[in-house]
């Protein structure tokens, strides 16, 4: 039997096993401890998967071989639900096989409540890159994270027509206009803007994070009355991508970033799973823009994954 204990505390460990190894505590933070009622949605499958993964008790693959590891509906059974301390239950407790809309909207609300004055969702840990040659102190912002936030908030607005989501998305654009050295997510390469997954100085120019940010900008650019600035940023980013994409082509694969330009170091070759990410993001951008250039590069890079190489002289 597995016992999962949700506690209203701030703990760096989201899940931690106790000494008997079958009781796990999840920290939900202290934001819930208020006089107001709080609506909580938990995914028991996800919570159980995370807990058991700490003990390496999950199978490496499912019996049907459709997906490695993890749990699926039917693998676990909820025996009881218990509350400790003083609590008042205001709404019915529901057990559902799916609660996607509720979980999505709760996540969307998180983006509103946790957006800082700069319009961002900062990363609370230090990031070291290139053998500590590039350091981002805790509190940095990522264009990739901002892009994901834009995608979530755009969908929340379209689902609810709640202007709070659109306003939060618009506020998040501020960091795209701010240089990395000033706390933003923008660097420049030969005068072209680049939205940095890791806004280091000198720039690292990570390819996949940049393309993810473009997708978020595109999503919000489709919202009438709110997305005009996002459209400008998106088109500006596309221009940079068209210009510099050939620099990421090694003739047999792709590079993860362009850190070697600023650091005068060896290139950071993308491993094959990141190379695959580059390909599907290029295909995605081709679908969005209908620009054959992105499809041409993607198909060439698919060839590299199959063993093809560029011609030599």
Protein backbone atom coordinates (compact mmCIF):
# COMPACT_ATOMS: atom_id res chain seq x y z
CA UNK A 1 0.00 0.00 0.00
CA UNK A 2 1.23 3.47 -0.91
CA UNK A 3 0.31 6.48 1.24
CA UNK A 4 0.63 9.98 -0.26
CA UNK A 5 0.63 12.91 2.16
CA UNK A 6 0.04 16.43 0.74
CA UNK A 7 1.41 19.00 3.18
CA UNK A 8 1.10 22.80 3.14
CA UNK A 9 4.78 23.55 3.65
CA UNK A 10 7.62 25.02 1.64
CA UNK A 11 10.12 22.27 0.91
CA UNK A 12 12.73 22.08 -1.83
CA UNK A 13 11.80 18.42 -2.32
CA UNK A 14 8.49 18.05 -4.11
CA UNK A 15 8.33 14.40 -3.15
CA UNK A 16 10.25 12.76 -0.33
CA UNK A 17 10.09 9.22 0.98
CA UNK A 18 9.96 8.51 4.70
CA UNK A 19 12.04 5.82 6.35
CA UNK A 20 9.56 3.03 5.61
CA UNK A 21 9.81 3.99 1.92
CA UNK A 22 6.09 3.62 1.19
CA UNK A 23 4.83 6.89 2.66
CA UNK A 24 5.55 9.98 0.59
CA UNK A 25 5.04 13.67 1.30
CA UNK A 26 4.38 16.29 -1.37
CA UNK A 27 5.00 19.92 -0.53
CA UNK A 28 2.18 22.15 -1.80
CA UNK A 29 3.74 25.34 -0.44
CA UNK A 30 2.17 27.80 1.98
CA UNK A 31 0.14 29.86 -0.49
CA UNK A 32 -2.89 27.68 0.27
CA UNK A 33 -2.88 28.57 3.96
CA UNK A 34 -5.37 31.43 3.78
CA UNK A 35 -8.80 32.26 5.14
CA UNK A 36 -10.27 31.71 1.69
CA UNK A 37 -11.36 28.38 0.24
CA UNK A 38 -8.92 26.73 -2.15
CA UNK A 39 -9.81 24.39 -5.00
CA UNK A 40 -7.24 21.57 -5.23
CA UNK A 41 -6.96 19.16 -8.16
CA UNK A 42 -4.52 16.25 -7.86
CA UNK A 43 -3.66 13.55 -10.41
CA UNK A 44 -3.25 10.35 -8.37
CA UNK A 45 -1.52 8.55 -11.24
CA UNK A 46 1.10 11.28 -11.55
CA UNK A 47 1.61 11.55 -7.78
CA UNK A 48 2.01 7.77 -7.48
CA UNK A 49 4.37 7.58 -10.45
CA UNK A 50 6.64 10.25 -8.98
CA UNK A 51 6.63 8.59 -5.57
CA UNK A 52 7.42 5.10 -6.86
CA UNK A 53 10.08 6.40 -9.22
CA UNK A 54 12.13 7.43 -6.18
CA UNK A 55 12.33 3.76 -5.23
CA UNK A 56 12.85 2.62 -8.83
CA UNK A 57 9.81 0.38 -8.40
CA UNK A 58 8.23 1.17 -11.78
CA UNK A 59 8.54 -1.25 -14.72
CA UNK A 60 10.87 -0.22 -17.52
CA UNK A 61 8.05 -0.74 -20.00
CA UNK A 62 4.33 -1.45 -19.94
CA UNK A 63 2.95 -4.88 -20.67
CA UNK A 64 1.47 -3.61 -23.93
CA UNK A 65 4.83 -1.96 -24.80
CA UNK A 66 3.06 1.25 -25.77
CA UNK A 67 4.95 3.52 -23.40
CA UNK A 68 8.01 3.06 -21.20
CA UNK A 69 7.45 3.09 -17.45
CA UNK A 70 4.73 5.03 -15.67
CA UNK A 71 1.29 3.99 -14.49
CA UNK A 72 -2.05 3.90 -16.28
CA UNK A 73 -5.69 3.88 -15.18
CA UNK A 74 -6.38 0.56 -13.47
CA UNK A 75 -2.88 0.15 -12.05
CA UNK A 76 -3.86 1.73 -8.72
CA UNK A 77 -6.97 1.98 -6.57
CA UNK A 78 -7.81 4.81 -4.18
CA UNK A 79 -8.62 3.22 -0.81
CA UNK A 80 -9.34 6.27 1.33
CA UNK A 81 -8.93 10.05 1.59
CA UNK A 82 -8.13 11.58 4.97
CA UNK A 83 -7.74 15.16 6.24
CA UNK A 84 -5.56 16.10 9.23
CA UNK A 85 -5.93 19.21 11.38
CA UNK A 86 -8.66 21.84 11.13
CA UNK A 87 -10.41 21.93 7.77
CA UNK A 88 -13.79 22.77 6.31
CA UNK A 89 -14.96 21.03 3.14
CA UNK A 90 -16.93 23.52 1.05
CA UNK A 91 -17.45 21.60 -2.21
CA UNK A 92 -18.06 17.93 -3.09
CA UNK A 93 -15.00 15.69 -3.36
CA UNK A 94 -15.03 14.13 -6.82
CA UNK A 95 -13.00 11.22 -8.14
CA UNK A 96 -12.80 11.35 -11.93
CA UNK A 97 -10.96 9.35 -14.57
CA UNK A 98 -9.95 12.65 -16.15
CA UNK A 99 -10.00 16.29 -15.14
CA UNK A 100 -8.06 17.93 -17.92
CA UNK A 101 -9.96 21.22 -18.11
CA UNK A 102 -9.83 21.78 -14.36
CA UNK A 103 -6.11 21.01 -14.18
CA UNK A 104 -5.36 23.20 -17.18
CA UNK A 105 -7.23 26.19 -15.76
CA UNK A 106 -5.59 25.76 -12.35
CA UNK A 107 -2.22 25.79 -14.10
CA UNK A 108 -3.23 28.89 -16.04
CA UNK A 109 -4.19 30.62 -12.80
CA UNK A 110 -0.72 29.80 -11.48
CA UNK A 111 0.80 31.85 -14.31
CA UNK A 112 -1.26 34.87 -13.28
CA UNK A 113 -0.55 34.56 -9.57
CA UNK A 114 3.18 33.95 -9.98
CA UNK A 115 4.01 36.49 -12.70
CA UNK A 116 6.52 39.03 -11.43
CA UNK A 117 6.65 42.79 -12.03
CA UNK A 118 8.82 42.31 -15.12
CA UNK A 119 6.17 40.10 -16.67
CA UNK A 120 8.16 36.91 -16.23
CA UNK A 121 8.32 33.62 -14.40
CA UNK A 122 11.86 33.55 -13.11
CA UNK A 123 13.94 30.42 -12.56
CA UNK A 124 14.76 30.18 -8.83
CA UNK A 125 18.03 28.25 -9.22
CA UNK A 126 21.48 29.09 -10.56
CA UNK A 127 22.38 27.76 -14.01
CA UNK A 128 25.94 26.90 -15.05
CA UNK A 129 26.80 26.53 -18.73
CA UNK A 130 29.97 25.59 -20.63
CA UNK A 131 31.96 24.25 -17.67
CA UNK A 132 31.06 27.26 -15.51
CA UNK A 133 32.24 29.77 -18.10
CA UNK A 134 28.69 31.13 -18.31
CA UNK A 135 26.73 31.56 -15.08
CA UNK A 136 23.12 32.67 -14.59
CA UNK A 137 22.38 33.55 -10.95
CA UNK A 138 19.05 32.45 -9.50
CA UNK A 139 16.19 34.66 -10.67
CA UNK A 140 16.97 34.61 -14.40
CA UNK A 141 14.29 34.47 -17.09
CA UNK A 142 14.09 32.14 -20.07
CA UNK A 143 12.56 32.97 -23.45
CA UNK A 144 11.54 29.33 -23.72
CA UNK A 145 9.64 29.52 -20.43
CA UNK A 146 8.06 32.81 -21.50
CA UNK A 147 7.00 31.19 -24.76
CA UNK A 148 5.41 28.24 -22.99
CA UNK A 149 3.62 30.69 -20.70
CA UNK A 150 2.29 32.54 -23.73
CA UNK A 151 0.95 29.31 -25.22
CA UNK A 152 -0.82 28.36 -21.98
CA UNK A 153 -2.30 31.81 -21.37
CA UNK A 154 -3.47 32.13 -24.97
CA UNK A 155 -5.38 28.86 -24.74
CA UNK A 156 -6.83 29.80 -21.35
CA UNK A 157 -8.09 33.09 -22.79
CA UNK A 158 -9.65 31.35 -25.81
CA UNK A 159 -11.30 28.82 -23.50
CA UNK A 160 -12.70 31.28 -20.96
CA UNK A 161 -12.65 34.73 -22.63
CA UNK A 162 -11.20 35.93 -19.31
CA UNK A 163 -9.17 39.07 -20.06
CA UNK A 164 -6.83 38.39 -17.13
CA UNK A 165 -5.13 35.66 -19.16
CA UNK A 166 -4.65 37.91 -22.20
CA UNK A 167 -3.32 40.76 -20.04
CA UNK A 168 -0.81 38.45 -18.34
CA UNK A 169 0.34 37.19 -21.73
CA UNK A 170 0.77 40.74 -23.00
CA UNK A 171 2.77 41.66 -19.90
CA UNK A 172 5.10 38.72 -20.50
CA UNK A 173 6.24 40.29 -23.78
CA UNK A 174 8.21 42.93 -21.87
CA UNK A 175 11.19 40.61 -21.39
CA UNK A 176 11.44 39.93 -25.14
CA UNK A 177 12.26 43.61 -25.63
CA UNK A 178 14.84 43.72 -22.84
CA UNK A 179 18.48 42.76 -23.38
CA UNK A 180 19.92 39.86 -21.41
CA UNK A 181 22.44 42.11 -19.68
CA UNK A 182 19.51 44.14 -18.34
CA UNK A 183 17.56 41.13 -17.08
CA UNK A 184 15.64 40.34 -20.26
CA UNK A 185 15.79 37.40 -22.65
CA UNK A 186 17.09 39.11 -25.79
CA UNK A 187 20.61 38.98 -27.18
CA UNK A 188 21.83 40.14 -30.55
CA UNK A 189 23.99 38.39 -33.12
CA UNK A 190 25.37 40.61 -35.88
CA UNK A 191 22.52 43.03 -35.20
CA UNK A 192 19.76 40.39 -35.30
CA UNK A 193 17.59 39.73 -32.24
CA UNK A 194 17.65 36.30 -30.60
CA UNK A 195 15.36 35.22 -27.77
CA UNK A 196 17.53 33.27 -25.36
CA UNK A 197 16.59 30.10 -23.51
CA UNK A 198 19.63 30.91 -21.36
CA UNK A 199 20.20 34.70 -21.48
CA UNK A 200 23.95 34.64 -20.89
CA UNK A 201 26.53 37.27 -21.74
CA UNK A 202 28.04 36.54 -24.22
CA UNK A 203 25.03 34.88 -25.77
CA UNK A 204 24.61 31.12 -26.06
CA UNK A 205 21.93 31.21 -28.81
CA UNK A 206 20.29 27.85 -28.05
CA UNK A 207 18.28 26.75 -31.08
CA UNK A 208 15.45 24.66 -29.64
CA UNK A 209 14.58 27.16 -26.88
CA UNK A 210 14.47 29.97 -29.42
CA UNK A 211 12.05 28.07 -31.65
CA UNK A 212 9.85 27.19 -28.67
CA UNK A 213 9.66 30.90 -27.82
CA UNK A 214 8.63 31.68 -31.40
CA UNK A 215 5.75 29.22 -31.16
CA UNK A 216 4.51 30.94 -28.01
CA UNK A 217 4.78 34.33 -29.68
CA UNK A 218 2.86 33.01 -32.67
CA UNK A 219 0.10 31.62 -30.46
CA UNK A 220 -0.50 34.96 -28.75
CA UNK A 221 -0.17 36.89 -32.02
CA UNK A 222 -3.44 35.30 -33.15
CA UNK A 223 -5.45 36.97 -30.36
CA UNK A 224 -7.36 39.96 -31.68
CA UNK A 225 -6.83 43.27 -29.84
CA UNK A 226 -3.92 41.85 -27.80
CA UNK A 227 -1.45 40.14 -30.13
CA UNK A 228 -0.06 42.95 -32.33
CA UNK A 229 3.22 43.32 -30.41
CA UNK A 230 3.60 39.56 -30.28
CA UNK A 231 3.25 39.38 -34.06
CA UNK A 232 6.08 41.89 -34.50
CA UNK A 233 8.32 39.92 -32.14
CA UNK A 234 7.44 36.68 -33.92
CA UNK A 235 8.22 38.04 -37.39
CA UNK A 236 11.44 39.57 -36.09
CA UNK A 237 12.46 36.22 -34.64
CA UNK A 238 11.61 34.38 -37.86
CA UNK A 239 13.90 36.74 -39.76
CA UNK A 240 16.74 35.91 -37.36
CA UNK A 241 16.06 32.18 -37.66
CA UNK A 242 16.10 32.28 -41.45
CA UNK A 243 19.40 34.15 -41.33
CA UNK A 244 21.27 31.97 -38.84
CA UNK A 245 19.77 28.50 -39.24
CA UNK A 246 22.55 27.43 -41.66
CA UNK A 247 25.10 28.07 -38.88
CA UNK A 248 23.55 25.20 -36.90
CA UNK A 249 24.10 22.71 -39.76
CA UNK A 250 27.26 20.58 -39.33
CA UNK A 251 26.84 18.61 -42.55
CA UNK A 252 26.11 15.46 -40.54
CA UNK A 253 23.91 16.76 -37.73
CA UNK A 254 23.19 20.01 -35.91
CA UNK A 255 24.69 22.04 -33.08
CA UNK A 256 22.73 22.69 -29.91
CA UNK A 257 23.76 26.34 -29.68
CA UNK A 258 26.32 28.88 -30.87
CA UNK A 259 28.21 29.28 -27.60
CA UNK A 260 31.47 28.67 -29.47
CA UNK A 261 31.14 32.03 -31.21
CA UNK A 262 31.37 34.02 -27.99
CA UNK A 263 33.57 31.66 -25.99
CA UNK A 264 35.91 30.73 -28.87
CA UNK A 265 35.39 27.10 -27.86
CA UNK A 266 34.63 23.89 -29.72
CA UNK A 267 31.06 23.53 -31.04
CA UNK A 268 28.40 22.01 -28.80
CA UNK A 269 27.06 19.21 -31.02
CA UNK A 270 23.41 18.33 -30.45
CA UNK A 271 22.86 14.72 -29.43
CA UNK A 272 20.38 12.83 -31.57
CA UNK A 273 17.34 13.39 -29.36
CA UNK A 274 17.90 17.15 -29.48
CA UNK A 275 18.55 16.89 -33.22
CA UNK A 276 15.09 15.27 -33.45
CA UNK A 277 13.64 18.18 -31.44
CA UNK A 278 15.18 20.61 -33.93
CA UNK A 279 13.51 18.71 -36.76
CA UNK A 280 9.99 18.61 -35.34
CA UNK A 281 10.16 22.28 -34.32
CA UNK A 282 11.19 23.20 -37.87
CA UNK A 283 8.29 21.12 -39.20
CA UNK A 284 6.00 22.93 -36.77
CA UNK A 285 7.23 26.33 -37.95
CA UNK A 286 6.77 25.23 -41.55
CA UNK A 287 3.16 24.36 -40.75
CA UNK A 288 2.65 27.78 -39.16
CA UNK A 289 4.42 29.89 -41.79
CA UNK A 290 4.20 27.71 -44.92
CA UNK A 291 7.82 28.73 -45.56
CA UNK A 292 9.48 25.94 -47.62
CA UNK A 293 12.91 26.90 -46.23
CA UNK A 294 12.10 25.42 -42.82
CA UNK A 295 10.80 22.21 -44.40
CA UNK A 296 13.89 21.94 -46.60
CA UNK A 297 16.24 22.20 -43.62
CA UNK A 298 14.14 19.74 -41.61
CA UNK A 299 14.22 17.14 -44.40
CA UNK A 300 17.97 17.56 -44.79
CA UNK A 301 18.46 17.03 -41.07
CA UNK A 302 16.24 13.94 -41.19
CA UNK A 303 18.69 12.63 -43.75
CA UNK A 304 21.58 13.21 -41.35
CA UNK A 305 19.77 11.09 -38.76
CA UNK A 306 19.61 8.33 -41.37
CA UNK A 307 23.35 8.46 -42.03
CA UNK A 308 23.50 10.92 -44.91
CA UNK A 309 26.19 13.60 -44.96
CA UNK A 310 26.81 16.80 -46.88
CA UNK A 311 29.10 16.60 -49.90
CA UNK A 312 32.78 17.36 -49.47
CA UNK A 313 35.04 19.16 -51.95
